[in-house]
Amino acid sequence: MQHTWKVTPSRAKTIQQELRGKIILHDDFTSVKTVAGIDVGLKKSTNTGRAAITILRLADLQVLETAVAEQQLSFPYVPGLLSFREIPVILQAFSGLKRRPDLLLCDGQGIAHPRRFGIACHLGVLVDIPAIGVAKTRLIGNHSTVPGKKGGWTELFDQDEVIGAVLRTRERVKPLFISPGHRISLASSLHYVMKCVTRYRLPETTRTAHKLSLYR
């Protein structure tokens, strides 16, 4: 399932609305043996994006494979439309992988998004792989106080709708904003994010991909 990427922001929002109906928000997988981290770095001077994908073995979080791609970013930075800016270069990196991961952890939002279609939803639908949004900051929603203990979490609401969770991955450190993207439930999203966390705030999927995505 693909679509053109050369669109206006208005058309991009329409595409999000059209594809939103494809999202599956329950567990639609058998087992998870490999997890992939995805991040995109930006070189502002040339408006170039560097997408990095790392595939880790879930059992011990060892990196099994990596892929990197670079290209010009043609879509402008518009809040809520990150996927149109970053997914083209992410798909280029995907084409360099030798194996297909069982689960994606994306640096961004899943359904915790104004149109319930963040980058984890968009990428998950396009490549048909279960995907989770793991964001460092909140885009929308409200929540109560997050428990201070590692693994503590509280629901993220938009009015009366639960759109994700705010998860404490490390004691006395800012929490992360977790939301399902595609083919996975919120409960399983929290479970697998925590299985990818060691002693840092970010899961190892995000940490390893971020290192590769940086311009030096």
C-alpha atoms as a PDB file:
ATOM      1  CA  MET A   1       0.000   0.000   0.000  1.00  0.00           C
ATOM      2  CA  GLN A   2       1.660   3.211  -1.168  1.00  0.00           C
ATOM      3  CA  HIS A   3       0.661   6.756  -2.114  1.00  0.00           C
ATOM      4  CA  THR A   4       2.385   9.768  -3.569  1.00  0.00           C
ATOM      5  CA  TRP A   5       4.508  11.874  -1.226  1.00  0.00           C
ATOM      6  CA  LYS A   6       4.519  15.044  -3.319  1.00  0.00           C
ATOM      7  CA  VAL A   7       1.426  16.589  -1.781  1.00  0.00           C
ATOM      8  CA  THR A   8       0.350  19.787  -0.071  1.00  0.00           C
ATOM      9  CA  PRO A   9      -0.153  19.827   3.711  1.00  0.00           C
ATOM     10  CA  SER A  10      -3.898  19.969   3.105  1.00  0.00           C
ATOM     11  CA  ARG A  11      -3.797  16.841   0.936  1.00  0.00           C
ATOM     12  CA  ALA A  12      -1.504  15.155   3.477  1.00  0.00           C
ATOM     13  CA  LYS A  13      -4.150  15.595   6.166  1.00  0.00           C
ATOM     14  CA  THR A  14      -6.736  14.064   3.840  1.00  0.00           C
ATOM     15  CA  ILE A  15      -4.483  11.058   3.232  1.00  0.00           C
ATOM     16  CA  GLN A  16      -4.148  10.593   6.994  1.00  0.00           C
ATOM     17  CA  GLN A  17      -7.932  10.597   7.324  1.00  0.00           C
ATOM     18  CA  GLU A  18      -8.258   8.100   4.459  1.00  0.00           C
ATOM     19  CA  LEU A  19      -5.651   5.689   5.824  1.00  0.00           C
ATOM     20  CA  ARG A  20      -6.790   5.929   9.434  1.00  0.00           C
ATOM     21  CA  GLY A  21      -9.439   3.299   8.800  1.00  0.00           C
ATOM     22  CA  LYS A  22      -6.687   0.762   8.022  1.00  0.00           C
ATOM     23  CA  ILE A  23      -5.276   0.878  11.554  1.00  0.00           C
ATOM     24  CA  ILE A  24      -5.668  -2.242  13.721  1.00  0.00           C
ATOM     25  CA  LEU A  25      -5.547  -1.517  17.458  1.00  0.00           C
ATOM     26  CA  HIS A  26      -5.458  -5.040  18.814  1.00  0.00           C
ATOM     27  CA  ASP A  27      -2.660  -7.606  18.888  1.00  0.00           C
ATOM     28  CA  ASP A  28      -2.407  -8.980  15.362  1.00  0.00           C
ATOM     29  CA  PHE A  29       0.804 -11.011  15.587  1.00  0.00           C
ATOM     30  CA  THR A  30       1.998 -14.353  16.906  1.00  0.00           C
ATOM     31  CA  SER A  31       5.418 -13.918  18.474  1.00  0.00           C
ATOM     32  CA  VAL A  32       7.973 -11.126  18.678  1.00  0.00           C
ATOM     33  CA  LYS A  33      11.572 -12.232  18.364  1.00  0.00           C
ATOM     34  CA  THR A  34      13.038  -9.126  16.724  1.00  0.00           C
ATOM     35  CA  VAL A  35      12.338  -5.444  17.315  1.00  0.00           C
ATOM     36  CA  ALA A  36      13.381  -2.525  15.149  1.00  0.00           C
ATOM     37  CA  GLY A  37      14.272   0.994  16.194  1.00  0.00           C
ATOM     38  CA  ILE A  38      13.752   3.809  13.699  1.00  0.00           C
ATOM     39  CA  ASP A  39      15.038   7.377  13.851  1.00  0.00           C
ATOM     40  CA  VAL A  40      15.757  10.176  11.394  1.00  0.00           C
ATOM     41  CA  GLY A  41      18.504  12.759  11.792  1.00  0.00           C
ATOM     42  CA  LEU A  42      18.456  16.126  10.037  1.00  0.00           C
ATOM     43  CA  LYS A  43      21.245  18.096   8.421  1.00  0.00           C
ATOM     44  CA  LYS A  44      19.687  21.565   8.416  1.00  0.00           C
ATOM     45  CA  SER A  45      22.233  23.186   6.109  1.00  0.00           C
ATOM     46  CA  THR A  46      21.186  20.916   3.235  1.00  0.00           C
ATOM     47  CA  ASN A  47      17.728  19.834   4.476  1.00  0.00           C
ATOM     48  CA  THR A  48      18.881  16.227   4.239  1.00  0.00           C
ATOM     49  CA  GLY A  49      17.422  13.399   6.278  1.00  0.00           C
ATOM     50  CA  ARG A  50      19.408  10.390   7.487  1.00  0.00           C
ATOM     51  CA  ALA A  51      17.168   7.447   8.384  1.00  0.00           C
ATOM     52  CA  ALA A  52      18.543   4.662  10.534  1.00  0.00           C
ATOM     53  CA  ILE A  53      16.933   1.317  11.289  1.00  0.00           C
ATOM     54  CA  THR A  54      18.400  -1.106  13.801  1.00  0.00           C
ATOM     55  CA  ILE A  55      17.030  -4.612  14.296  1.00  0.00           C
ATOM     56  CA  LEU A  56      17.593  -6.083  17.739  1.00  0.00           C
ATOM     57  CA  ARG A  57      16.986  -9.552  19.113  1.00  0.00           C
ATOM     58  CA  LEU A  58      14.332  -9.088  21.775  1.00  0.00           C
ATOM     59  CA  ALA A  59      15.737 -11.755  24.097  1.00  0.00           C
ATOM     60  CA  ASP A  60      19.035  -9.937  24.775  1.00  0.00           C
ATOM     61  CA  LEU A  61      18.717  -6.656  22.818  1.00  0.00           C
ATOM     62  CA  GLN A  62      21.737  -7.451  20.674  1.00  0.00           C
ATOM     63  CA  VAL A  63      21.864  -5.628  17.335  1.00  0.00           C
ATOM     64  CA  LEU A  64      21.407  -8.073  14.467  1.00  0.00           C
ATOM     65  CA  GLU A  65      21.261  -5.723  11.497  1.00  0.00           C
ATOM     66  CA  THR A  66      21.338  -2.040  10.601  1.00  0.00           C
ATOM     67  CA  ALA A  67      20.417   0.029   7.563  1.00  0.00           C
ATOM     68  CA  VAL A  68      20.960   3.704   6.807  1.00  0.00           C
ATOM     69  CA  ALA A  69      19.689   5.911   3.972  1.00  0.00           C
ATOM     70  CA  GLU A  70      19.965   9.608   3.138  1.00  0.00           C
ATOM     71  CA  GLN A  71      17.926  11.863   0.889  1.00  0.00           C
ATOM     72  CA  GLN A  72      16.631  15.398   0.539  1.00  0.00           C
ATOM     73  CA  LEU A  73      13.506  16.080   2.577  1.00  0.00           C
ATOM     74  CA  SER A  74      10.952  17.567   0.224  1.00  0.00           C
ATOM     75  CA  PHE A  75       8.042  18.013   2.639  1.00  0.00           C
ATOM     76  CA  PRO A  76       8.152  21.008   5.030  1.00  0.00           C
ATOM     77  CA  TYR A  77       8.137  20.693   8.799  1.00  0.00           C
ATOM     78  CA  VAL A  78       4.477  20.817   9.825  1.00  0.00           C
ATOM     79  CA  PRO A  79       3.359  19.651  13.291  1.00  0.00           C
ATOM     80  CA  GLY A  80       1.192  16.541  12.930  1.00  0.00           C
ATOM     81  CA  LEU A  81       2.579  15.737   9.464  1.00  0.00           C
ATOM     82  CA  LEU A  82       5.992  14.367  10.450  1.00  0.00           C
ATOM     83  CA  SER A  83       5.408  11.123   8.561  1.00  0.00           C
ATOM     84  CA  PHE A  84       5.272  12.916   5.199  1.00  0.00           C
ATOM     85  CA  ARG A  85       8.667  14.434   5.904  1.00  0.00           C
ATOM     86  CA  GLU A  86      10.415  11.341   7.243  1.00  0.00           C
ATOM     87  CA  ILE A  87       8.808   8.157   5.896  1.00  0.00           C
ATOM     88  CA  PRO A  88      10.191   8.428   2.325  1.00  0.00           C
ATOM     89  CA  VAL A  89      13.779   8.193   3.591  1.00  0.00           C
ATOM     90  CA  ILE A  90      12.750   5.543   6.161  1.00  0.00           C
ATOM     91  CA  LEU A  91      11.326   3.393   3.355  1.00  0.00           C
ATOM     92  CA  GLN A  92      14.615   3.783   1.493  1.00  0.00           C
ATOM     93  CA  ALA A  93      16.418   2.434   4.558  1.00  0.00           C
ATOM     94  CA  PHE A  94      13.898  -0.407   4.809  1.00  0.00           C
ATOM     95  CA  SER A  95      14.815  -1.496   1.289  1.00  0.00           C
ATOM     96  CA  GLY A  96      18.342  -2.167   2.534  1.00  0.00           C
ATOM     97  CA  LEU A  97      17.313  -4.644   5.224  1.00  0.00           C
ATOM     98  CA  LYS A  98      17.885  -8.361   4.724  1.00  0.00           C
ATOM     99  CA  ARG A  99      15.311  -9.419   7.313  1.00  0.00           C
ATOM    100  CA  ARG A 100      11.838  -8.253   8.258  1.00  0.00           C
ATOM    101  CA  PRO A 101      11.467  -7.247  11.934  1.00  0.00           C
ATOM    102  CA  ASP A 102       8.519  -8.476  13.986  1.00  0.00           C
ATOM    103  CA  LEU A 103       7.827  -5.121  15.658  1.00  0.00           C
ATOM    104  CA  LEU A 104       8.687  -1.465  15.005  1.00  0.00           C
ATOM    105  CA  LEU A 105       9.373   1.136  17.697  1.00  0.00           C
ATOM    106  CA  CYS A 106       9.147   4.534  16.042  1.00  0.00           C
ATOM    107  CA  ASP A 107      10.521   7.805  17.389  1.00  0.00           C
ATOM    108  CA  GLY A 108       7.197   9.655  17.313  1.00  0.00           C
ATOM    109  CA  GLN A 109       3.491   9.238  17.878  1.00  0.00           C
ATOM    110  CA  GLY A 110       1.048   6.438  17.143  1.00  0.00           C
ATOM    111  CA  ILE A 111      -2.623   7.296  17.675  1.00  0.00           C
ATOM    112  CA  ALA A 112      -1.716  10.032  20.199  1.00  0.00           C
ATOM    113  CA  HIS A 113      -2.172  12.456  17.343  1.00  0.00           C
ATOM    114  CA  PRO A 114      -4.852  15.028  16.371  1.00  0.00           C
ATOM    115  CA  ARG A 115      -6.067  12.799  13.530  1.00  0.00           C
ATOM    116  CA  ARG A 116      -5.103   9.538  15.296  1.00  0.00           C
ATOM    117  CA  PHE A 117      -2.514   8.856  12.615  1.00  0.00           C
ATOM    118  CA  GLY A 118       1.022   9.579  13.735  1.00  0.00           C
ATOM    119  CA  ILE A 119       4.192   8.296  12.101  1.00  0.00           C
ATOM    120  CA  ALA A 120       3.970   4.878  13.801  1.00  0.00           C
ATOM    121  CA  CYS A 121       0.469   4.387  12.368  1.00  0.00           C
ATOM    122  CA  HIS A 122       1.482   5.557   8.916  1.00  0.00           C
ATOM    123  CA  LEU A 123       4.628   3.450   8.690  1.00  0.00           C
ATOM    124  CA  GLY A 124       2.957   0.413  10.263  1.00  0.00           C
ATOM    125  CA  VAL A 125       0.134   0.508   7.718  1.00  0.00           C
ATOM    126  CA  LEU A 126       2.481   1.009   4.751  1.00  0.00           C
ATOM    127  CA  VAL A 127       4.854  -1.859   5.600  1.00  0.00           C
ATOM    128  CA  ASP A 128       2.200  -3.974   7.391  1.00  0.00           C
ATOM    129  CA  ILE A 129       4.266  -4.562  10.531  1.00  0.00           C
ATOM    130  CA  PRO A 130       3.079  -4.033  14.131  1.00  0.00           C
ATOM    131  CA  ALA A 131       4.292  -0.594  15.217  1.00  0.00           C
ATOM    132  CA  ILE A 132       4.467   1.470  18.408  1.00  0.00           C
ATOM    133  CA  GLY A 133       4.884   5.208  18.808  1.00  0.00           C
ATOM    134  CA  VAL A 134       7.558   6.040  21.395  1.00  0.00           C
ATOM    135  CA  ALA A 135       7.675   9.809  21.749  1.00  0.00           C
ATOM    136  CA  LYS A 136       9.857  11.934  23.992  1.00  0.00           C
ATOM    137  CA  THR A 137       7.295  14.752  24.143  1.00  0.00           C
ATOM    138  CA  ARG A 138       3.509  15.044  24.195  1.00  0.00           C
ATOM    139  CA  LEU A 139       1.716  16.159  21.046  1.00  0.00           C
ATOM    140  CA  ILE A 140      -1.837  16.158  22.426  1.00  0.00           C
ATOM    141  CA  GLY A 141      -3.722  14.817  25.423  1.00  0.00           C
ATOM    142  CA  ASN A 142      -3.867  15.117  29.178  1.00  0.00           C
ATOM    143  CA  HIS A 143      -2.873  12.780  31.977  1.00  0.00           C
ATOM    144  CA  SER A 144      -2.671  12.450  35.715  1.00  0.00           C
ATOM    145  CA  THR A 145       0.557  12.242  37.695  1.00  0.00           C
ATOM    146  CA  VAL A 146       2.841   9.472  36.483  1.00  0.00           C
ATOM    147  CA  PRO A 147       4.007   7.060  39.221  1.00  0.00           C
ATOM    148  CA  GLY A 148       7.649   7.681  40.069  1.00  0.00           C
ATOM    149  CA  LYS A 149       8.763   4.055  39.949  1.00  0.00           C
ATOM    150  CA  LYS A 150      10.330   2.560  36.819  1.00  0.00           C
ATOM    151  CA  GLY A 151       7.564   0.903  34.801  1.00  0.00           C
ATOM    152  CA  GLY A 152       4.867   3.117  36.308  1.00  0.00           C
ATOM    153  CA  TRP A 153       2.399   4.629  33.873  1.00  0.00           C
ATOM    154  CA  THR A 154      -0.871   6.473  33.526  1.00  0.00           C
ATOM    155  CA  GLU A 155      -3.340   6.763  30.668  1.00  0.00           C
ATOM    156  CA  LEU A 156      -3.127   9.611  28.168  1.00  0.00           C
ATOM    157  CA  PHE A 157      -6.553  11.038  27.299  1.00  0.00           C
ATOM    158  CA  ASP A 158      -7.947  13.269  24.599  1.00  0.00           C
ATOM    159  CA  GLN A 159     -11.266  14.303  26.145  1.00  0.00           C
ATOM    160  CA  ASP A 160     -12.782  10.930  27.109  1.00  0.00           C
ATOM    161  CA  GLU A 161     -10.724   8.801  24.708  1.00  0.00           C
ATOM    162  CA  VAL A 162      -7.626   6.888  25.796  1.00  0.00           C
ATOM    163  CA  ILE A 163      -5.027   7.578  23.121  1.00  0.00           C
ATOM    164  CA  GLY A 164      -1.925   6.199  24.812  1.00  0.00           C
ATOM    165  CA  ALA A 165       0.026   6.112  28.039  1.00  0.00           C
ATOM    166  CA  VAL A 166       2.698   8.132  29.807  1.00  0.00           C
ATOM    167  CA  LEU A 167       5.391   5.669  30.879  1.00  0.00           C
ATOM    168  CA  ARG A 168       8.185   6.100  33.417  1.00  0.00           C
ATOM    169  CA  THR A 169      11.109   4.130  31.995  1.00  0.00           C
ATOM    170  CA  ARG A 170      13.585   5.335  34.596  1.00  0.00           C
ATOM    171  CA  GLU A 171      13.033   6.544  38.137  1.00  0.00           C
ATOM    172  CA  ARG A 172      13.089  10.342  38.603  1.00  0.00           C
ATOM    173  CA  VAL A 173      13.473  10.899  34.846  1.00  0.00           C
ATOM    174  CA  LYS A 174      10.949  12.423  32.439  1.00  0.00           C
ATOM    175  CA  PRO A 175       8.491   9.828  31.116  1.00  0.00           C
ATOM    176  CA  LEU A 176       7.878   8.783  27.512  1.00  0.00           C
ATOM    177  CA  PHE A 177       4.620   8.998  25.595  1.00  0.00           C
ATOM    178  CA  ILE A 178       3.595   5.595  24.265  1.00  0.00           C
ATOM    179  CA  SER A 179       0.774   4.927  21.825  1.00  0.00           C
ATOM    180  CA  PRO A 180      -0.088   2.013  19.555  1.00  0.00           C
ATOM    181  CA  GLY A 181       0.536   2.573  15.870  1.00  0.00           C
ATOM    182  CA  HIS A 182      -0.739  -0.520  14.065  1.00  0.00           C
ATOM    183  CA  ARG A 183      -1.541  -4.172  14.789  1.00  0.00           C
ATOM    184  CA  ILE A 184      -0.886  -3.869  18.533  1.00  0.00           C
ATOM    185  CA  SER A 185      -2.799  -2.935  21.690  1.00  0.00           C
ATOM    186  CA  LEU A 186      -1.822  -0.308  24.240  1.00  0.00           C
ATOM    187  CA  ALA A 187      -1.134  -2.977  26.871  1.00  0.00           C
ATOM    188  CA  SER A 188       1.235  -4.842  24.564  1.00  0.00           C
ATOM    189  CA  SER A 189       2.843  -1.568  23.486  1.00  0.00           C
ATOM    190  CA  LEU A 190       3.780  -0.864  27.093  1.00  0.00           C
ATOM    191  CA  HIS A 191       4.970  -4.429  27.596  1.00  0.00           C
ATOM    192  CA  TYR A 192       7.324  -4.435  24.630  1.00  0.00           C
ATOM    193  CA  VAL A 193       8.679  -0.950  25.237  1.00  0.00           C
ATOM    194  CA  MET A 194       9.641  -1.960  28.771  1.00  0.00           C
ATOM    195  CA  LYS A 195      11.262  -5.158  27.471  1.00  0.00           C
ATOM    196  CA  CYS A 196      13.488  -2.900  25.342  1.00  0.00           C
ATOM    197  CA  VAL A 197      14.453  -0.634  28.249  1.00  0.00           C
ATOM    198  CA  THR A 198      17.695  -1.163  30.166  1.00  0.00           C
ATOM    199  CA  ARG A 199      19.068   1.548  32.454  1.00  0.00           C
ATOM    200  CA  TYR A 200      18.361   4.505  30.201  1.00  0.00           C
ATOM    201  CA  ARG A 201      15.273   6.616  29.589  1.00  0.00           C
ATOM    202  CA  LEU A 202      15.002   5.562  25.945  1.00  0.00           C
ATOM    203  CA  PRO A 203      14.571   1.941  24.860  1.00  0.00           C
ATOM    204  CA  GLU A 204      17.585   0.337  23.221  1.00  0.00           C
ATOM    205  CA  THR A 205      15.795   0.340  19.874  1.00  0.00           C
ATOM    206  CA  THR A 206      15.614   4.131  19.887  1.00  0.00           C
ATOM    207  CA  ARG A 207      19.104   4.584  21.344  1.00  0.00           C
ATOM    208  CA  THR A 208      20.820   2.437  18.747  1.00  0.00           C
ATOM    209  CA  ALA A 209      18.915   3.947  15.825  1.00  0.00           C
ATOM    210  CA  HIS A 210      19.507   7.484  17.074  1.00  0.00           C
ATOM    211  CA  LYS A 211      23.277   6.970  17.177  1.00  0.00           C
ATOM    212  CA  LEU A 212      23.302   5.867  13.551  1.00  0.00           C
ATOM    213  CA  SER A 213      21.021   8.693  12.404  1.00  0.00           C
ATOM    214  CA  LEU A 214      23.254  11.474  13.713  1.00  0.00           C
ATOM    215  CA  TYR A 215      25.199  13.697  11.347  1.00  0.00           C
ATOM    216  CA  ARG A 216      28.742  14.222  12.587  1.00  0.00           C
END
